[in-house]
Amino acid sequence: MVKQIDHIELIVRDVAAYEEFFTALGFEVVLRSNHHGGSVELQLPGPNQPIFEIHKVCGEEVIGVNHIAFRVDDVNEAYALFQEKGYEIIGAPRFSSHTGRTNMNGRDPDGWRVQICDQVRTDPTE
């Protein structure tokens, strides 16, 4: 079912400072969007590297790891599995215009948010 870690979302105070930090470490910017009031996605060069999605803290969120997203071939299949197993579902699969992908959110056994997303990644600015 899960193919790889797709991205890890970090909530921070200063997106620009984190972008500078990660690019200094060798990460490359793969996407900037207005998601959460402005976010940046960074990835190490090479195949199958996870992406760090970084956005500024807002609302009731707290600084730190917000969720880990797992990449699958079929989000609807993952949704059906969550339903079948009785895992907590936060929302049905939906297309995000910010990332150009379909994803769903659920919770692991301890209540941490888990995101499941498809492999399609399009630049929403195109």
C-alpha atoms as a PDB file:
ATOM      1  CA  MET A   1       0.000   0.000   0.000  1.00  0.00           C
ATOM      2  CA  VAL A   2       2.443   2.754   1.141  1.00  0.00           C
ATOM      3  CA  LYS A   3       5.205   3.357  -1.420  1.00  0.00           C
ATOM      4  CA  GLN A   4       7.331   5.834   0.523  1.00  0.00           C
ATOM      5  CA  ILE A   5       7.251   8.858   2.768  1.00  0.00           C
ATOM      6  CA  ASP A   6       5.960  11.679   0.603  1.00  0.00           C
ATOM      7  CA  HIS A   7       6.527  14.635   2.884  1.00  0.00           C
ATOM      8  CA  ILE A   8       6.945  15.730   6.477  1.00  0.00           C
ATOM      9  CA  GLU A   9       5.141  18.930   7.391  1.00  0.00           C
ATOM     10  CA  LEU A  10       6.979  21.238   9.777  1.00  0.00           C
ATOM     11  CA  ILE A  11       5.273  24.179  11.424  1.00  0.00           C
ATOM     12  CA  VAL A  12       7.716  26.996  12.162  1.00  0.00           C
ATOM     13  CA  ARG A  13       7.865  30.633  13.236  1.00  0.00           C
ATOM     14  CA  ASP A  14       9.893  31.888  10.249  1.00  0.00           C
ATOM     15  CA  VAL A  15       9.518  30.110   6.896  1.00  0.00           C
ATOM     16  CA  ALA A  16      12.286  32.152   5.224  1.00  0.00           C
ATOM     17  CA  ALA A  17      14.792  31.243   7.952  1.00  0.00           C
ATOM     18  CA  TYR A  18      13.987  27.554   7.523  1.00  0.00           C
ATOM     19  CA  GLU A  19      14.232  27.794   3.747  1.00  0.00           C
ATOM     20  CA  GLU A  20      17.687  29.362   4.120  1.00  0.00           C
ATOM     21  CA  PHE A  21      18.706  26.684   6.657  1.00  0.00           C
ATOM     22  CA  PHE A  22      17.588  23.713   4.554  1.00  0.00           C
ATOM     23  CA  THR A  23      19.037  25.085   1.290  1.00  0.00           C
ATOM     24  CA  ALA A  24      22.359  25.593   3.081  1.00  0.00           C
ATOM     25  CA  LEU A  25      22.208  21.885   3.962  1.00  0.00           C
ATOM     26  CA  GLY A  26      21.727  20.957   0.282  1.00  0.00           C
ATOM     27  CA  PHE A  27      17.942  20.850  -0.057  1.00  0.00           C
ATOM     28  CA  GLU A  28      16.342  22.335  -3.170  1.00  0.00           C
ATOM     29  CA  VAL A  29      13.065  24.249  -3.336  1.00  0.00           C
ATOM     30  CA  VAL A  30      10.504  22.216  -5.278  1.00  0.00           C
ATOM     31  CA  LEU A  31       7.396  24.311  -4.644  1.00  0.00           C
ATOM     32  CA  ARG A  32       6.232  27.549  -3.086  1.00  0.00           C
ATOM     33  CA  SER A  33       2.514  28.048  -2.526  1.00  0.00           C
ATOM     34  CA  ASN A  34       0.055  30.140  -0.578  1.00  0.00           C
ATOM     35  CA  HIS A  35      -0.913  27.048   1.439  1.00  0.00           C
ATOM     36  CA  HIS A  36      -1.307  28.053   5.118  1.00  0.00           C
ATOM     37  CA  GLY A  37      -0.526  31.672   4.288  1.00  0.00           C
ATOM     38  CA  GLY A  38       2.718  30.782   2.520  1.00  0.00           C
ATOM     39  CA  SER A  39       4.672  27.555   2.461  1.00  0.00           C
ATOM     40  CA  VAL A  40       7.755  26.100   0.847  1.00  0.00           C
ATOM     41  CA  GLU A  41       8.554  22.493  -0.030  1.00  0.00           C
ATOM     42  CA  LEU A  42      12.205  21.422  -0.008  1.00  0.00           C
ATOM     43  CA  GLN A  43      13.819  18.154  -1.064  1.00  0.00           C
ATOM     44  CA  LEU A  44      17.296  16.674  -1.167  1.00  0.00           C
ATOM     45  CA  PRO A  45      18.549  15.898  -4.692  1.00  0.00           C
ATOM     46  CA  GLY A  46      18.176  12.335  -5.903  1.00  0.00           C
ATOM     47  CA  PRO A  47      15.413   9.814  -6.366  1.00  0.00           C
ATOM     48  CA  ASN A  48      12.764   9.082  -3.741  1.00  0.00           C
ATOM     49  CA  GLN A  49      13.828  11.718  -1.236  1.00  0.00           C
ATOM     50  CA  PRO A  50      11.088  12.857   1.159  1.00  0.00           C
ATOM     51  CA  ILE A  51       9.956  16.455   1.022  1.00  0.00           C
ATOM     52  CA  PHE A  52       9.821  18.855   3.947  1.00  0.00           C
ATOM     53  CA  GLU A  53       6.734  21.057   3.674  1.00  0.00           C
ATOM     54  CA  ILE A  54       7.307  24.104   5.852  1.00  0.00           C
ATOM     55  CA  HIS A  55       4.693  26.641   6.823  1.00  0.00           C
ATOM     56  CA  LYS A  56       4.226  29.306   9.457  1.00  0.00           C
ATOM     57  CA  VAL A  57       2.386  28.468  12.645  1.00  0.00           C
ATOM     58  CA  CYS A  58      -1.223  29.640  12.586  1.00  0.00           C
ATOM     59  CA  GLY A  59      -4.410  29.088  14.527  1.00  0.00           C
ATOM     60  CA  GLU A  60      -4.210  26.384  17.165  1.00  0.00           C
ATOM     61  CA  GLU A  61      -1.189  24.659  15.607  1.00  0.00           C
ATOM     62  CA  VAL A  62       2.040  24.277  17.528  1.00  0.00           C
ATOM     63  CA  ILE A  63       5.651  24.496  16.377  1.00  0.00           C
ATOM     64  CA  GLY A  64       7.040  21.122  15.301  1.00  0.00           C
ATOM     65  CA  VAL A  65       6.096  18.177  13.134  1.00  0.00           C
ATOM     66  CA  ASN A  66       2.451  18.507  12.112  1.00  0.00           C
ATOM     67  CA  HIS A  67       2.196  15.258  10.160  1.00  0.00           C
ATOM     68  CA  ILE A  68       4.020  12.708   8.056  1.00  0.00           C
ATOM     69  CA  ALA A  69       2.445  12.046   4.669  1.00  0.00           C
ATOM     70  CA  PHE A  70       2.690   8.651   3.033  1.00  0.00           C
ATOM     71  CA  ARG A  71       2.550   8.239  -0.736  1.00  0.00           C
ATOM     72  CA  VAL A  72       0.243   5.623  -2.217  1.00  0.00           C
ATOM     73  CA  ASP A  73      -0.946   4.714  -5.697  1.00  0.00           C
ATOM     74  CA  ASP A  74      -4.623   5.138  -4.819  1.00  0.00           C
ATOM     75  CA  VAL A  75      -5.881   7.435  -2.041  1.00  0.00           C
ATOM     76  CA  ASN A  76      -9.411   6.037  -2.368  1.00  0.00           C
ATOM     77  CA  GLU A  77      -8.078   2.545  -1.690  1.00  0.00           C
ATOM     78  CA  ALA A  78      -6.343   3.835   1.449  1.00  0.00           C
ATOM     79  CA  TYR A  79      -9.565   5.564   2.505  1.00  0.00           C
ATOM     80  CA  ALA A  80     -11.461   2.282   2.103  1.00  0.00           C
ATOM     81  CA  LEU A  81      -8.834   0.503   4.227  1.00  0.00           C
ATOM     82  CA  PHE A  82      -9.192   3.113   6.999  1.00  0.00           C
ATOM     83  CA  GLN A  83     -12.968   2.590   6.901  1.00  0.00           C
ATOM     84  CA  GLU A  84     -12.664  -1.202   6.882  1.00  0.00           C
ATOM     85  CA  LYS A  85     -10.221  -1.272   9.807  1.00  0.00           C
ATOM     86  CA  GLY A  86     -12.120   1.362  11.790  1.00  0.00           C
ATOM     87  CA  TYR A  87      -9.164   3.764  11.865  1.00  0.00           C
ATOM     88  CA  GLU A  88     -10.090   7.364  12.612  1.00  0.00           C
ATOM     89  CA  ILE A  89     -10.653   9.421   9.473  1.00  0.00           C
ATOM     90  CA  ILE A  90     -10.425  13.216   9.626  1.00  0.00           C
ATOM     91  CA  GLY A  91     -11.716  13.748   6.104  1.00  0.00           C
ATOM     92  CA  ALA A  92     -12.559  11.942   2.905  1.00  0.00           C
ATOM     93  CA  PRO A  93     -10.088  12.133   0.001  1.00  0.00           C
ATOM     94  CA  ARG A  94     -10.011  15.607  -1.537  1.00  0.00           C
ATOM     95  CA  PHE A  95      -8.054  17.415  -4.203  1.00  0.00           C
ATOM     96  CA  SER A  96      -5.821  20.210  -2.901  1.00  0.00           C
ATOM     97  CA  SER A  97      -5.379  23.068  -5.339  1.00  0.00           C
ATOM     98  CA  HIS A  98      -2.367  24.187  -3.261  1.00  0.00           C
ATOM     99  CA  THR A  99      -0.350  21.044  -3.995  1.00  0.00           C
ATOM    100  CA  GLY A 100      -2.089  19.637  -7.056  1.00  0.00           C
ATOM    101  CA  ARG A 101      -2.676  16.287  -5.352  1.00  0.00           C
ATOM    102  CA  THR A 102      -5.428  14.269  -3.759  1.00  0.00           C
ATOM    103  CA  ASN A 103      -5.017  13.417  -0.106  1.00  0.00           C
ATOM    104  CA  MET A 104      -6.872  12.251   2.966  1.00  0.00           C
ATOM    105  CA  ASN A 105      -6.158  12.667   6.651  1.00  0.00           C
ATOM    106  CA  GLY A 106      -6.579  10.208   9.472  1.00  0.00           C
ATOM    107  CA  ARG A 107      -5.127   9.425  12.882  1.00  0.00           C
ATOM    108  CA  ASP A 108      -2.752   6.725  14.068  1.00  0.00           C
ATOM    109  CA  PRO A 109      -3.564   4.658  17.199  1.00  0.00           C
ATOM    110  CA  ASP A 110      -2.244   7.422  19.489  1.00  0.00           C
ATOM    111  CA  GLY A 111      -4.180  10.171  17.726  1.00  0.00           C
ATOM    112  CA  TRP A 112      -1.339  11.722  15.678  1.00  0.00           C
ATOM    113  CA  ARG A 113      -2.401  13.027  12.269  1.00  0.00           C
ATOM    114  CA  VAL A 114      -1.344  10.910   9.291  1.00  0.00           C
ATOM    115  CA  GLN A 115      -1.793  12.077   5.719  1.00  0.00           C
ATOM    116  CA  ILE A 116      -2.135   9.754   2.740  1.00  0.00           C
ATOM    117  CA  CYS A 117      -1.521  11.294  -0.693  1.00  0.00           C
ATOM    118  CA  ASP A 118      -1.293  10.199  -4.296  1.00  0.00           C
ATOM    119  CA  GLN A 119       1.829  10.299  -6.433  1.00  0.00           C
ATOM    120  CA  VAL A 120       0.680  13.077  -8.718  1.00  0.00           C
ATOM    121  CA  ARG A 121       2.417  16.347  -7.839  1.00  0.00           C
ATOM    122  CA  THR A 122       1.682  19.309 -10.074  1.00  0.00           C
ATOM    123  CA  ASP A 123       2.768  22.888  -9.668  1.00  0.00           C
ATOM    124  CA  PRO A 124      -0.433  24.838  -8.882  1.00  0.00           C
ATOM    125  CA  THR A 125       1.075  28.026 -10.363  1.00  0.00           C
ATOM    126  CA  GLU A 126       1.295  26.503 -13.858  1.00  0.00           C
END
